[in-house]
Amino acid sequence: MKKQHIITVAALGPDSGEMLTMGALSAMKQAEALVLRTARHGAAETIGQAGLTYQTLDALYELCEDFDELCDRAAQALIAKARTVSSLCYAVSEPGSDATVRALAAALPEDMGLQVVGGVSL
């Protein structure tokens, strides 16, 4: 089955944006919608200064009783958002170790796929 929706997961890196890769920034710029796991990441300001608008999952932190619930609700929110846009980029510090990315990968329906744009490791 051809994947109708691809969610691109981009690495923000460990700092305030100095280590944000060109590939990750390009993926964010090309996406119709950009979602950051949190605006509390140091690179959020750099992304805003680059002229990109984004949403965050920060409100979920207050709504969820524990981290497992946060991850599950984040995955569902991203899947729902991906259905409303032509391309979605989800940006986290380090995709390979991020629990919300693992939850997203586990929850993906058959018509969706993930691609990862790596970056500088924490």
PDB file of N, CA and C in Angstrom:
ATOM      1  N   MET A   1       0.847  -1.186   0.000  1.00  0.00           N
ATOM      2  CA  MET A   1       0.000   0.000   0.000  1.00  0.00           C
ATOM      3  C   MET A   1       0.887   1.241   0.000  1.00  0.00           C
ATOM      4  N   LYS A   2       0.538   2.171  -0.863  1.00  0.00           N
ATOM      5  CA  LYS A   2       1.279   3.430  -0.923  1.00  0.00           C
ATOM      6  C   LYS A   2       0.923   4.290   0.285  1.00  0.00           C
ATOM      7  N   LYS A   3       1.938   4.857   0.885  1.00  0.00           N
ATOM      8  CA  LYS A   3       1.741   5.727   2.049  1.00  0.00           C
ATOM      9  C   LYS A   3       1.219   7.075   1.565  1.00  0.00           C
ATOM     10  N   GLN A   4       0.038   7.452   2.029  1.00  0.00           N
ATOM     11  CA  GLN A   4      -0.570   8.707   1.620  1.00  0.00           C
ATOM     12  C   GLN A   4      -0.042   9.890   2.421  1.00  0.00           C
ATOM     13  N   HIS A   5       0.406   9.622   3.626  1.00  0.00           N
ATOM     14  CA  HIS A   5       0.886  10.687   4.503  1.00  0.00           C
ATOM     15  C   HIS A   5       2.251  10.281   5.058  1.00  0.00           C
ATOM     16  N   ILE A   6       3.206  11.158   4.926  1.00  0.00           N
ATOM     17  CA  ILE A   6       4.536  10.938   5.494  1.00  0.00           C
ATOM     18  C   ILE A   6       4.779  12.022   6.537  1.00  0.00           C
ATOM     19  N   ILE A   7       5.137  11.598   7.723  1.00  0.00           N
ATOM     20  CA  ILE A   7       5.517  12.529   8.776  1.00  0.00           C
ATOM     21  C   ILE A   7       7.035  12.536   8.824  1.00  0.00           C
ATOM     22  N   THR A   8       7.617  13.703   8.689  1.00  0.00           N
ATOM     23  CA  THR A   8       9.058  13.844   8.790  1.00  0.00           C
ATOM     24  C   THR A   8       9.406  14.240  10.214  1.00  0.00           C
ATOM     25  N   VAL A   9      10.289  13.476  10.824  1.00  0.00           N
ATOM     26  CA  VAL A   9      10.762  13.787  12.172  1.00  0.00           C
ATOM     27  C   VAL A   9      12.151  14.400  12.021  1.00  0.00           C
ATOM     28  N   ALA A  10      12.323  15.612  12.517  1.00  0.00           N
ATOM     29  CA  ALA A  10      13.588  16.334  12.371  1.00  0.00           C
ATOM     30  C   ALA A  10      14.244  16.536  13.730  1.00  0.00           C
ATOM     31  N   ALA A  11      15.556  16.389  13.742  1.00  0.00           N
ATOM     32  CA  ALA A  11      16.331  16.564  14.966  1.00  0.00           C
ATOM     33  C   ALA A  11      16.649  18.035  15.195  1.00  0.00           C
ATOM     34  N   LEU A  12      16.352  18.514  16.400  1.00  0.00           N
ATOM     35  CA  LEU A  12      16.688  19.884  16.771  1.00  0.00           C
ATOM     36  C   LEU A  12      18.106  19.999  17.308  1.00  0.00           C
ATOM     37  N   GLY A  13      18.644  18.909  17.804  1.00  0.00           N
ATOM     38  CA  GLY A  13      19.970  18.952  18.392  1.00  0.00           C
ATOM     39  C   GLY A  13      19.933  19.361  19.850  1.00  0.00           C
ATOM     40  N   PRO A  14      21.110  19.515  20.438  1.00  0.00           N
ATOM     41  CA  PRO A  14      21.201  19.687  21.886  1.00  0.00           C
ATOM     42  C   PRO A  14      21.244  21.116  22.402  1.00  0.00           C
ATOM     43  N   ASP A  15      21.163  22.111  21.556  1.00  0.00           N
ATOM     44  CA  ASP A  15      21.454  23.464  22.041  1.00  0.00           C
ATOM     45  C   ASP A  15      20.426  24.481  21.585  1.00  0.00           C
ATOM     46  N   SER A  16      20.832  25.717  21.523  1.00  0.00           N
ATOM     47  CA  SER A  16      19.932  26.812  21.184  1.00  0.00           C
ATOM     48  C   SER A  16      19.819  27.058  19.687  1.00  0.00           C
ATOM     49  N   GLY A  17      20.256  26.150  18.886  1.00  0.00           N
ATOM     50  CA  GLY A  17      20.093  26.271  17.443  1.00  0.00           C
ATOM     51  C   GLY A  17      21.380  26.312  16.665  1.00  0.00           C
ATOM     52  N   GLU A  18      22.504  26.490  17.340  1.00  0.00           N
ATOM     53  CA  GLU A  18      23.772  26.548  16.620  1.00  0.00           C
ATOM     54  C   GLU A  18      24.113  25.225  15.945  1.00  0.00           C
ATOM     55  N   MET A  19      23.594  24.125  16.474  1.00  0.00           N
ATOM     56  CA  MET A  19      23.901  22.808  15.927  1.00  0.00           C
ATOM     57  C   MET A  19      22.750  22.233  15.112  1.00  0.00           C
ATOM     58  N   LEU A  20      21.761  23.043  14.822  1.00  0.00           N
ATOM     59  CA  LEU A  20      20.665  22.629  13.963  1.00  0.00           C
ATOM     60  C   LEU A  20      21.223  22.407  12.558  1.00  0.00           C
ATOM     61  N   THR A  21      20.994  21.226  11.994  1.00  0.00           N
ATOM     62  CA  THR A  21      21.577  20.924  10.687  1.00  0.00           C
ATOM     63  C   THR A  21      20.789  21.583   9.561  1.00  0.00           C
ATOM     64  N   MET A  22      21.458  21.765   8.445  1.00  0.00           N
ATOM     65  CA  MET A  22      20.790  22.331   7.271  1.00  0.00           C
ATOM     66  C   MET A  22      19.674  21.407   6.798  1.00  0.00           C
ATOM     67  N   GLY A  23      19.895  20.102   6.903  1.00  0.00           N
ATOM     68  CA  GLY A  23      18.872  19.142   6.494  1.00  0.00           C
ATOM     69  C   GLY A  23      17.624  19.235   7.342  1.00  0.00           C
ATOM     70  N   ALA A  24      17.800  19.355   8.662  1.00  0.00           N
ATOM     71  CA  ALA A  24      16.643  19.470   9.555  1.00  0.00           C
ATOM     72  C   ALA A  24      15.908  20.783   9.315  1.00  0.00           C
ATOM     73  N   LEU A  25      16.650  21.868   9.166  1.00  0.00           N
ATOM     74  CA  LEU A  25      16.022  23.166   8.906  1.00  0.00           C
ATOM     75  C   LEU A  25      15.289  23.151   7.568  1.00  0.00           C
ATOM     76  N   SER A  26      15.868  22.530   6.570  1.00  0.00           N
ATOM     77  CA  SER A  26      15.222  22.417   5.261  1.00  0.00           C
ATOM     78  C   SER A  26      13.920  21.625   5.363  1.00  0.00           C
ATOM     79  N   ALA A  27      13.934  20.524   6.111  1.00  0.00           N
ATOM     80  CA  ALA A  27      12.717  19.725   6.287  1.00  0.00           C
ATOM     81  C   ALA A  27      11.623  20.541   6.963  1.00  0.00           C
ATOM     82  N   MET A  28      12.012  21.358   7.940  1.00  0.00           N
ATOM     83  CA  MET A  28      11.037  22.201   8.627  1.00  0.00           C
ATOM     84  C   MET A  28      10.467  23.258   7.690  1.00  0.00           C
ATOM     85  N   LYS A  29      11.320  23.835   6.859  1.00  0.00           N
ATOM     86  CA  LYS A  29      10.876  24.871   5.919  1.00  0.00           C
ATOM     87  C   LYS A  29       9.957  24.306   4.844  1.00  0.00           C
ATOM     88  N   GLN A  30      10.202  23.093   4.417  1.00  0.00           N
ATOM     89  CA  GLN A  30       9.427  22.489   3.332  1.00  0.00           C
ATOM     90  C   GLN A  30       8.060  21.987   3.782  1.00  0.00           C
ATOM     91  N   ALA A  31       7.894  21.750   5.053  1.00  0.00           N
ATOM     92  CA  ALA A  31       6.643  21.194   5.561  1.00  0.00           C
ATOM     93  C   ALA A  31       5.532  22.241   5.562  1.00  0.00           C
ATOM     94  N   GLU A  32       4.338  21.788   5.277  1.00  0.00           N
ATOM     95  CA  GLU A  32       3.183  22.686   5.370  1.00  0.00           C
ATOM     96  C   GLU A  32       2.906  23.042   6.834  1.00  0.00           C
ATOM     97  N   ALA A  33       3.127  22.083   7.729  1.00  0.00           N
ATOM     98  CA  ALA A  33       2.915  22.314   9.162  1.00  0.00           C
ATOM     99  C   ALA A  33       4.123  21.798   9.931  1.00  0.00           C
ATOM    100  N   LEU A  34       4.513  22.567  10.936  1.00  0.00           N
ATOM    101  CA  LEU A  34       5.641  22.221  11.785  1.00  0.00           C
ATOM    102  C   LEU A  34       5.154  22.142  13.227  1.00  0.00           C
ATOM    103  N   VAL A  35       5.469  21.025  13.881  1.00  0.00           N
ATOM    104  CA  VAL A  35       5.116  20.843  15.283  1.00  0.00           C
ATOM    105  C   VAL A  35       6.400  20.545  16.045  1.00  0.00           C
ATOM    106  N   LEU A  36       6.658  21.352  17.074  1.00  0.00           N
ATOM    107  CA  LEU A  36       7.771  21.088  17.979  1.00  0.00           C
ATOM    108  C   LEU A  36       7.230  20.330  19.183  1.00  0.00           C
ATOM    109  N   ARG A  37       8.015  19.405  19.686  1.00  0.00           N
ATOM    110  CA  ARG A  37       7.571  18.720  20.896  1.00  0.00           C
ATOM    111  C   ARG A  37       7.337  19.748  21.995  1.00  0.00           C
ATOM    112  N   THR A  38       8.241  20.713  22.120  1.00  0.00           N
ATOM    113  CA  THR A  38       8.082  21.757  23.123  1.00  0.00           C
ATOM    114  C   THR A  38       8.751  23.053  22.671  1.00  0.00           C
ATOM    115  N   ALA A  39       8.144  24.159  23.026  1.00  0.00           N
ATOM    116  CA  ALA A  39       8.743  25.466  22.748  1.00  0.00           C
ATOM    117  C   ALA A  39       9.848  25.770  23.749  1.00  0.00           C
ATOM    118  N   ARG A  40      10.021  24.917  24.736  1.00  0.00           N
ATOM    119  CA  ARG A  40      11.061  25.118  25.743  1.00  0.00           C
ATOM    120  C   ARG A  40      12.433  24.655  25.259  1.00  0.00           C
ATOM    121  N   HIS A  41      12.492  24.113  24.071  1.00  0.00           N
ATOM    122  CA  HIS A  41      13.791  23.721  23.513  1.00  0.00           C
ATOM    123  C   HIS A  41      14.520  24.979  23.066  1.00  0.00           C
ATOM    124  N   GLY A  42      15.813  25.017  23.262  1.00  0.00           N
ATOM    125  CA  GLY A  42      16.609  26.191  22.926  1.00  0.00           C
ATOM    126  C   GLY A  42      16.546  26.583  21.464  1.00  0.00           C
ATOM    127  N   ALA A  43      16.309  25.633  20.568  1.00  0.00           N
ATOM    128  CA  ALA A  43      16.265  25.940  19.139  1.00  0.00           C
ATOM    129  C   ALA A  43      14.959  26.598  18.706  1.00  0.00           C
ATOM    130  N   ALA A  44      13.941  26.596  19.557  1.00  0.00           N
ATOM    131  CA  ALA A  44      12.651  27.172  19.182  1.00  0.00           C
ATOM    132  C   ALA A  44      12.787  28.640  18.781  1.00  0.00           C
ATOM    133  N   GLU A  45      13.583  29.387  19.522  1.00  0.00           N
ATOM    134  CA  GLU A  45      13.772  30.799  19.191  1.00  0.00           C
ATOM    135  C   GLU A  45      14.459  30.953  17.834  1.00  0.00           C
ATOM    136  N   THR A  46      15.456  30.134  17.571  1.00  0.00           N
ATOM    137  CA  THR A  46      16.159  30.173  16.281  1.00  0.00           C
ATOM    138  C   THR A  46      15.209  29.856  15.140  1.00  0.00           C
ATOM    139  N   ILE A  47      14.337  28.897  15.342  1.00  0.00           N
ATOM    140  CA  ILE A  47      13.364  28.512  14.315  1.00  0.00           C
ATOM    141  C   ILE A  47      12.411  29.671  14.047  1.00  0.00           C
ATOM    142  N   GLY A  48      11.958  30.324  15.098  1.00  0.00           N
ATOM    143  CA  GLY A  48      11.096  31.491  14.931  1.00  0.00           C
ATOM    144  C   GLY A  48      11.808  32.627  14.220  1.00  0.00           C
ATOM    145  N   GLN A  49      13.083  32.835  14.534  1.00  0.00           N
ATOM    146  CA  GLN A  49      13.856  33.890  13.887  1.00  0.00           C
ATOM    147  C   GLN A  49      14.086  33.586  12.408  1.00  0.00           C
ATOM    148  N   ALA A  50      14.026  32.307  12.053  1.00  0.00           N
ATOM    149  CA  ALA A  50      14.162  31.915  10.643  1.00  0.00           C
ATOM    150  C   ALA A  50      12.858  32.140   9.877  1.00  0.00           C
ATOM    151  N   GLY A  51      11.851  32.658  10.566  1.00  0.00           N
ATOM    152  CA  GLY A  51      10.583  32.968   9.914  1.00  0.00           C
ATOM    153  C   GLY A  51       9.598  31.811   9.867  1.00  0.00           C
ATOM    154  N   LEU A  52       9.877  30.733  10.593  1.00  0.00           N
ATOM    155  CA  LEU A  52       8.986  29.581  10.592  1.00  0.00           C
ATOM    156  C   LEU A  52       7.952  29.701  11.699  1.00  0.00           C
ATOM    157  N   THR A  53       6.739  29.354  11.377  1.00  0.00           N
ATOM    158  CA  THR A  53       5.699  29.284  12.394  1.00  0.00           C
ATOM    159  C   THR A  53       5.532  27.823  12.785  1.00  0.00           C
ATOM    160  N   TYR A  54       5.172  27.604  14.020  1.00  0.00           N
ATOM    161  CA  TYR A  54       5.049  26.237  14.504  1.00  0.00           C
ATOM    162  C   TYR A  54       4.014  26.160  15.605  1.00  0.00           C
ATOM    163  N   GLN A  55       3.571  24.944  15.824  1.00  0.00           N
ATOM    164  CA  GLN A  55       2.739  24.604  16.965  1.00  0.00           C
ATOM    165  C   GLN A  55       3.596  23.746  17.887  1.00  0.00           C
ATOM    166  N   THR A  56       3.153  23.581  19.124  1.00  0.00           N
ATOM    167  CA  THR A  56       3.870  22.712  20.051  1.00  0.00           C
ATOM    168  C   THR A  56       2.890  21.749  20.718  1.00  0.00           C
ATOM    169  N   LEU A  57       3.457  20.770  21.401  1.00  0.00           N
ATOM    170  CA  LEU A  57       2.657  19.844  22.189  1.00  0.00           C
ATOM    171  C   LEU A  57       2.683  20.204  23.669  1.00  0.00           C
ATOM    172  N   ASP A  58       3.114  21.425  23.981  1.00  0.00           N
ATOM    173  CA  ASP A  58       3.265  21.842  25.371  1.00  0.00           C
ATOM    174  C   ASP A  58       1.985  21.690  26.190  1.00  0.00           C
ATOM    175  N   ALA A  59       0.834  21.954  25.615  1.00  0.00           N
ATOM    176  CA  ALA A  59      -0.425  21.858  26.362  1.00  0.00           C
ATOM    177  C   ALA A  59      -0.680  20.434  26.858  1.00  0.00           C
ATOM    178  N   LEU A  60      -0.178  19.443  26.139  1.00  0.00           N
ATOM    179  CA  LEU A  60      -0.382  18.055  26.559  1.00  0.00           C
ATOM    180  C   LEU A  60       0.318  17.747  27.883  1.00  0.00           C
ATOM    181  N   TYR A  61       1.426  18.417  28.141  1.00  0.00           N
ATOM    182  CA  TYR A  61       2.150  18.168  29.390  1.00  0.00           C
ATOM    183  C   TYR A  61       1.260  18.441  30.599  1.00  0.00           C
ATOM    184  N   GLU A  62       0.420  19.454  30.508  1.00  0.00           N
ATOM    185  CA  GLU A  62      -0.467  19.811  31.611  1.00  0.00           C
ATOM    186  C   GLU A  62      -1.682  18.891  31.696  1.00  0.00           C
ATOM    187  N   LEU A  63      -2.100  18.347  30.567  1.00  0.00           N
ATOM    188  CA  LEU A  63      -3.304  17.524  30.519  1.00  0.00           C
ATOM    189  C   LEU A  63      -3.073  16.072  30.923  1.00  0.00           C
ATOM    190  N   CYS A  64      -1.860  15.597  30.795  1.00  0.00           N
ATOM    191  CA  CYS A  64      -1.575  14.174  30.990  1.00  0.00           C
ATOM    192  C   CYS A  64      -1.109  13.886  32.416  1.00  0.00           C
ATOM    193  N   GLU A  65      -1.543  12.732  32.911  1.00  0.00           N
ATOM    194  CA  GLU A  65      -1.178  12.343  34.271  1.00  0.00           C
ATOM    195  C   GLU A  65       0.217  11.742  34.355  1.00  0.00           C
ATOM    196  N   ASP A  66       0.682  11.135  33.260  1.00  0.00           N
ATOM    197  CA  ASP A  66       2.013  10.538  33.291  1.00  0.00           C
ATOM    198  C   ASP A  66       2.629  10.588  31.896  1.00  0.00           C
ATOM    199  N   PHE A  67       3.888  10.177  31.824  1.00  0.00           N
ATOM    200  CA  PHE A  67       4.636  10.287  30.576  1.00  0.00           C
ATOM    201  C   PHE A  67       4.105   9.335  29.499  1.00  0.00           C
ATOM    202  N   ASP A  68       3.628   8.155  29.903  1.00  0.00           N
ATOM    203  CA  ASP A  68       3.059   7.222  28.928  1.00  0.00           C
ATOM    204  C   ASP A  68       1.830   7.821  28.259  1.00  0.00           C
ATOM    205  N   GLU A  69       0.978   8.459  29.046  1.00  0.00           N
ATOM    206  CA  GLU A  69      -0.202   9.109  28.487  1.00  0.00           C
ATOM    207  C   GLU A  69       0.211  10.254  27.555  1.00  0.00           C
ATOM    208  N   LEU A  70       1.213  11.011  27.951  1.00  0.00           N
ATOM    209  CA  LEU A  70       1.724  12.088  27.103  1.00  0.00           C
ATOM    210  C   LEU A  70       2.155  11.546  25.747  1.00  0.00           C
ATOM    211  N   CYS A  71       2.921  10.483  25.761  1.00  0.00           N
ATOM    212  CA  CYS A  71       3.422   9.911  24.502  1.00  0.00           C
ATOM    213  C   CYS A  71       2.284   9.428  23.619  1.00  0.00           C
ATOM    214  N   ASP A  72       1.314   8.732  24.212  1.00  0.00           N
ATOM    215  CA  ASP A  72       0.171   8.233  23.440  1.00  0.00           C
ATOM    216  C   ASP A  72      -0.650   9.379  22.858  1.00  0.00           C
ATOM    217  N   ARG A  73      -0.908  10.397  23.658  1.00  0.00           N
ATOM    218  CA  ARG A  73      -1.705  11.527  23.178  1.00  0.00           C
ATOM    219  C   ARG A  73      -0.936  12.348  22.145  1.00  0.00           C
ATOM    220  N   ALA A  74       0.378  12.449  22.307  1.00  0.00           N
ATOM    221  CA  ALA A  74       1.197  13.143  21.309  1.00  0.00           C
ATOM    222  C   ALA A  74       1.117  12.415  19.971  1.00  0.00           C
ATOM    223  N   ALA A  75       1.239  11.103  20.003  1.00  0.00           N
ATOM    224  CA  ALA A  75       1.160  10.312  18.767  1.00  0.00           C
ATOM    225  C   ALA A  75      -0.183  10.521  18.078  1.00  0.00           C
ATOM    226  N   GLN A  76      -1.259  10.462  18.838  1.00  0.00           N
ATOM    227  CA  GLN A  76      -2.585  10.636  18.244  1.00  0.00           C
ATOM    228  C   GLN A  76      -2.782  12.046  17.688  1.00  0.00           C
ATOM    229  N   ALA A  77      -2.270  13.048  18.393  1.00  0.00           N
ATOM    230  CA  ALA A  77      -2.381  14.428  17.918  1.00  0.00           C
ATOM    231  C   ALA A  77      -1.606  14.618  16.611  1.00  0.00           C
ATOM    232  N   LEU A  78      -0.430  14.021  16.520  1.00  0.00           N
ATOM    233  CA  LEU A  78       0.374  14.150  15.295  1.00  0.00           C
ATOM    234  C   LEU A  78      -0.270  13.428  14.125  1.00  0.00           C
ATOM    235  N   ILE A  79      -0.829  12.261  14.374  1.00  0.00           N
ATOM    236  CA  ILE A  79      -1.519  11.519  13.309  1.00  0.00           C
ATOM    237  C   ILE A  79      -2.715  12.325  12.811  1.00  0.00           C
ATOM    238  N   ALA A  80      -3.489  12.885  13.734  1.00  0.00           N
ATOM    239  CA  ALA A  80      -4.648  13.696  13.341  1.00  0.00           C
ATOM    240  C   ALA A  80      -4.207  14.917  12.539  1.00  0.00           C
ATOM    241  N   LYS A  81      -3.141  15.579  12.967  1.00  0.00           N
ATOM    242  CA  LYS A  81      -2.633  16.752  12.246  1.00  0.00           C
ATOM    243  C   LYS A  81      -2.141  16.366  10.857  1.00  0.00           C
ATOM    244  N   ALA A  82      -1.459  15.237  10.749  1.00  0.00           N
ATOM    245  CA  ALA A  82      -0.929  14.796   9.456  1.00  0.00           C
ATOM    246  C   ALA A  82      -2.045  14.563   8.440  1.00  0.00           C
ATOM    247  N   ARG A  83      -3.215  14.216   8.897  1.00  0.00           N
ATOM    248  CA  ARG A  83      -4.345  13.982   7.987  1.00  0.00           C
ATOM    249  C   ARG A  83      -4.914  15.287   7.427  1.00  0.00           C
ATOM    250  N   THR A  84      -4.558  16.425   8.030  1.00  0.00           N
ATOM    251  CA  THR A  84      -5.148  17.700   7.613  1.00  0.00           C
ATOM    252  C   THR A  84      -4.227  18.541   6.736  1.00  0.00           C
ATOM    253  N   VAL A  85      -2.982  18.087   6.546  1.00  0.00           N
ATOM    254  CA  VAL A  85      -2.008  18.867   5.785  1.00  0.00           C
ATOM    255  C   VAL A  85      -1.323  17.975   4.755  1.00  0.00           C
ATOM    256  N   SER A  86      -0.691  18.612   3.778  1.00  0.00           N
ATOM    257  CA  SER A  86       0.015  17.832   2.760  1.00  0.00           C
ATOM    258  C   SER A  86       1.344  17.295   3.269  1.00  0.00           C
ATOM    259  N   SER A  87       1.968  17.994   4.222  1.00  0.00           N
ATOM    260  CA  SER A  87       3.230  17.512   4.793  1.00  0.00           C
ATOM    261  C   SER A  87       3.384  18.052   6.207  1.00  0.00           C
ATOM    262  N   LEU A  88       3.834  17.181   7.097  1.00  0.00           N
ATOM    263  CA  LEU A  88       3.999  17.524   8.502  1.00  0.00           C
ATOM    264  C   LEU A  88       5.424  17.209   8.930  1.00  0.00           C
ATOM    265  N   CYS A  89       6.032  18.136   9.635  1.00  0.00           N
ATOM    266  CA  CYS A  89       7.346  17.917  10.235  1.00  0.00           C
ATOM    267  C   CYS A  89       7.185  18.020  11.744  1.00  0.00           C
ATOM    268  N   TYR A  90       7.684  17.010  12.449  1.00  0.00           N
ATOM    269  CA  TYR A  90       7.669  16.978  13.908  1.00  0.00           C
ATOM    270  C   TYR A  90       9.114  17.077  14.375  1.00  0.00           C
ATOM    271  N   ALA A  91       9.435  18.093  15.162  1.00  0.00           N
ATOM    272  CA  ALA A  91      10.815  18.346  15.569  1.00  0.00           C
ATOM    273  C   ALA A  91      11.018  18.070  17.056  1.00  0.00           C
ATOM    274  N   VAL A  92      12.038  17.251  17.339  1.00  0.00           N
ATOM    275  CA  VAL A  92      12.390  16.862  18.701  1.00  0.00           C
ATOM    276  C   VAL A  92      13.908  16.944  18.855  1.00  0.00           C
ATOM    277  N   SER A  93      14.381  16.919  20.071  1.00  0.00           N
ATOM    278  CA  SER A  93      15.828  17.011  20.299  1.00  0.00           C
ATOM    279  C   SER A  93      16.598  15.940  19.546  1.00  0.00           C
ATOM    280  N   GLU A  94      16.255  14.686  19.811  1.00  0.00           N
ATOM    281  CA  GLU A  94      16.966  13.572  19.199  1.00  0.00           C
ATOM    282  C   GLU A  94      15.964  12.464  18.865  1.00  0.00           C
ATOM    283  N   PRO A  95      15.585  12.327  17.590  1.00  0.00           N
ATOM    284  CA  PRO A  95      14.548  11.371  17.205  1.00  0.00           C
ATOM    285  C   PRO A  95      14.810   9.937  17.647  1.00  0.00           C
ATOM    286  N   GLY A  96      16.058   9.504  17.630  1.00  0.00           N
ATOM    287  CA  GLY A  96      16.375   8.120  17.953  1.00  0.00           C
ATOM    288  C   GLY A  96      16.108   7.720  19.388  1.00  0.00           C
ATOM    289  N   SER A  97      16.046   8.675  20.280  1.00  0.00           N
ATOM    290  CA  SER A  97      15.821   8.353  21.685  1.00  0.00           C
ATOM    291  C   SER A  97      14.554   8.991  22.251  1.00  0.00           C
ATOM    292  N   ASP A  98      13.749   9.589  21.404  1.00  0.00           N
ATOM    293  CA  ASP A  98      12.564  10.304  21.873  1.00  0.00           C
ATOM    294  C   ASP A  98      11.376   9.347  22.023  1.00  0.00           C
ATOM    295  N   ALA A  99      10.786   9.332  23.209  1.00  0.00           N
ATOM    296  CA  ALA A  99       9.674   8.429  23.501  1.00  0.00           C
ATOM    297  C   ALA A  99       8.420   8.770  22.695  1.00  0.00           C
ATOM    298  N   THR A 100       8.190  10.051  22.400  1.00  0.00           N
ATOM    299  CA  THR A 100       7.012  10.394  21.603  1.00  0.00           C
ATOM    300  C   THR A 100       7.168   9.897  20.167  1.00  0.00           C
ATOM    301  N   VAL A 101       8.383   9.889  19.663  1.00  0.00           N
ATOM    302  CA  VAL A 101       8.633   9.366  18.311  1.00  0.00           C
ATOM    303  C   VAL A 101       8.397   7.855  18.289  1.00  0.00           C
ATOM    304  N   ARG A 102       8.849   7.154  19.333  1.00  0.00           N
ATOM    305  CA  ARG A 102       8.596   5.707  19.406  1.00  0.00           C
ATOM    306  C   ARG A 102       7.098   5.432  19.473  1.00  0.00           C
ATOM    307  N   ALA A 103       6.367   6.212  20.261  1.00  0.00           N
ATOM    308  CA  ALA A 103       4.913   6.027  20.351  1.00  0.00           C
ATOM    309  C   ALA A 103       4.248   6.319  19.012  1.00  0.00           C
ATOM    310  N   LEU A 104       4.725   7.334  18.320  1.00  0.00           N
ATOM    311  CA  LEU A 104       4.190   7.670  17.000  1.00  0.00           C
ATOM    312  C   LEU A 104       4.429   6.527  16.018  1.00  0.00           C
ATOM    313  N   ALA A 105       5.630   5.997  16.000  1.00  0.00           N
ATOM    314  CA  ALA A 105       5.951   4.889  15.093  1.00  0.00           C
ATOM    315  C   ALA A 105       5.058   3.679  15.375  1.00  0.00           C
ATOM    316  N   ALA A 106       4.796   3.398  16.643  1.00  0.00           N
ATOM    317  CA  ALA A 106       3.963   2.259  17.016  1.00  0.00           C
ATOM    318  C   ALA A 106       2.493   2.475  16.660  1.00  0.00           C
ATOM    319  N   ALA A 107       2.043   3.719  16.664  1.00  0.00           N
ATOM    320  CA  ALA A 107       0.626   4.025  16.435  1.00  0.00           C
ATOM    321  C   ALA A 107       0.283   4.323  14.980  1.00  0.00           C
ATOM    322  N   LEU A 108       1.273   4.429  14.116  1.00  0.00           N
ATOM    323  CA  LEU A 108       1.005   4.824  12.725  1.00  0.00           C
ATOM    324  C   LEU A 108       0.048   3.874  12.032  1.00  0.00           C
ATOM    325  N   PRO A 109      -0.979   4.416  11.408  1.00  0.00           N
ATOM    326  CA  PRO A 109      -1.845   3.571  10.586  1.00  0.00           C
ATOM    327  C   PRO A 109      -1.118   3.177   9.299  1.00  0.00           C
ATOM    328  N   GLU A 110      -1.673   2.215   8.590  1.00  0.00           N
ATOM    329  CA  GLU A 110      -1.012   1.680   7.398  1.00  0.00           C
ATOM    330  C   GLU A 110      -0.804   2.700   6.294  1.00  0.00           C
ATOM    331  N   ASP A 111      -1.626   3.738   6.244  1.00  0.00           N
ATOM    332  CA  ASP A 111      -1.488   4.708   5.159  1.00  0.00           C
ATOM    333  C   ASP A 111      -0.497   5.828   5.490  1.00  0.00           C
ATOM    334  N   MET A 112       0.217   5.698   6.609  1.00  0.00           N
ATOM    335  CA  MET A 112       1.195   6.716   7.003  1.00  0.00           C
ATOM    336  C   MET A 112       2.577   6.101   7.150  1.00  0.00           C
ATOM    337  N   GLY A 113       3.568   6.957   6.933  1.00  0.00           N
ATOM    338  CA  GLY A 113       4.949   6.534   7.117  1.00  0.00           C
ATOM    339  C   GLY A 113       5.741   7.612   7.818  1.00  0.00           C
ATOM    340  N   LEU A 114       6.905   7.234   8.310  1.00  0.00           N
ATOM    341  CA  LEU A 114       7.818   8.163   8.974  1.00  0.00           C
ATOM    342  C   LEU A 114       9.121   8.225   8.206  1.00  0.00           C
ATOM    343  N   GLN A 115       9.678   9.407   8.135  1.00  0.00           N
ATOM    344  CA  GLN A 115      11.059   9.551   7.680  1.00  0.00           C
ATOM    345  C   GLN A 115      11.752  10.431   8.718  1.00  0.00           C
ATOM    346  N   VAL A 116      13.021  10.173   8.928  1.00  0.00           N
ATOM    347  CA  VAL A 116      13.761  10.883   9.966  1.00  0.00           C
ATOM    348  C   VAL A 116      14.917  11.646   9.332  1.00  0.00           C
ATOM    349  N   VAL A 117      15.039  12.907   9.718  1.00  0.00           N
ATOM    350  CA  VAL A 117      16.183  13.730   9.346  1.00  0.00           C
ATOM    351  C   VAL A 117      16.989  13.899  10.626  1.00  0.00           C
ATOM    352  N   GLY A 118      18.131  13.250  10.669  1.00  0.00           N
ATOM    353  CA  GLY A 118      18.952  13.253  11.869  1.00  0.00           C
ATOM    354  C   GLY A 118      19.661  14.580  12.080  1.00  0.00           C
ATOM    355  N   GLY A 119      20.383  14.624  13.158  1.00  0.00           N
ATOM    356  CA  GLY A 119      21.120  15.828  13.488  1.00  0.00           C
ATOM    357  C   GLY A 119      22.221  15.525  14.473  1.00  0.00           C
ATOM    358  N   VAL A 120      22.685  16.545  15.131  1.00  0.00           N
ATOM    359  CA  VAL A 120      23.734  16.391  16.125  1.00  0.00           C
ATOM    360  C   VAL A 120      23.148  15.726  17.358  1.00  0.00           C
ATOM    361  N   SER A 121      23.815  14.696  17.847  1.00  0.00           N
ATOM    362  CA  SER A 121      23.344  13.929  18.983  1.00  0.00           C
ATOM    363  C   SER A 121      23.549  14.699  20.283  1.00  0.00           C
ATOM    364  N   LEU A 122      22.667  14.417  21.233  1.00  0.00           N
ATOM    365  CA  LEU A 122      22.800  15.009  22.556  1.00  0.00           C
ATOM    366  C   LEU A 122      24.063  14.516  23.204  1.00  0.00           C
TER     367      LEU A 122
END
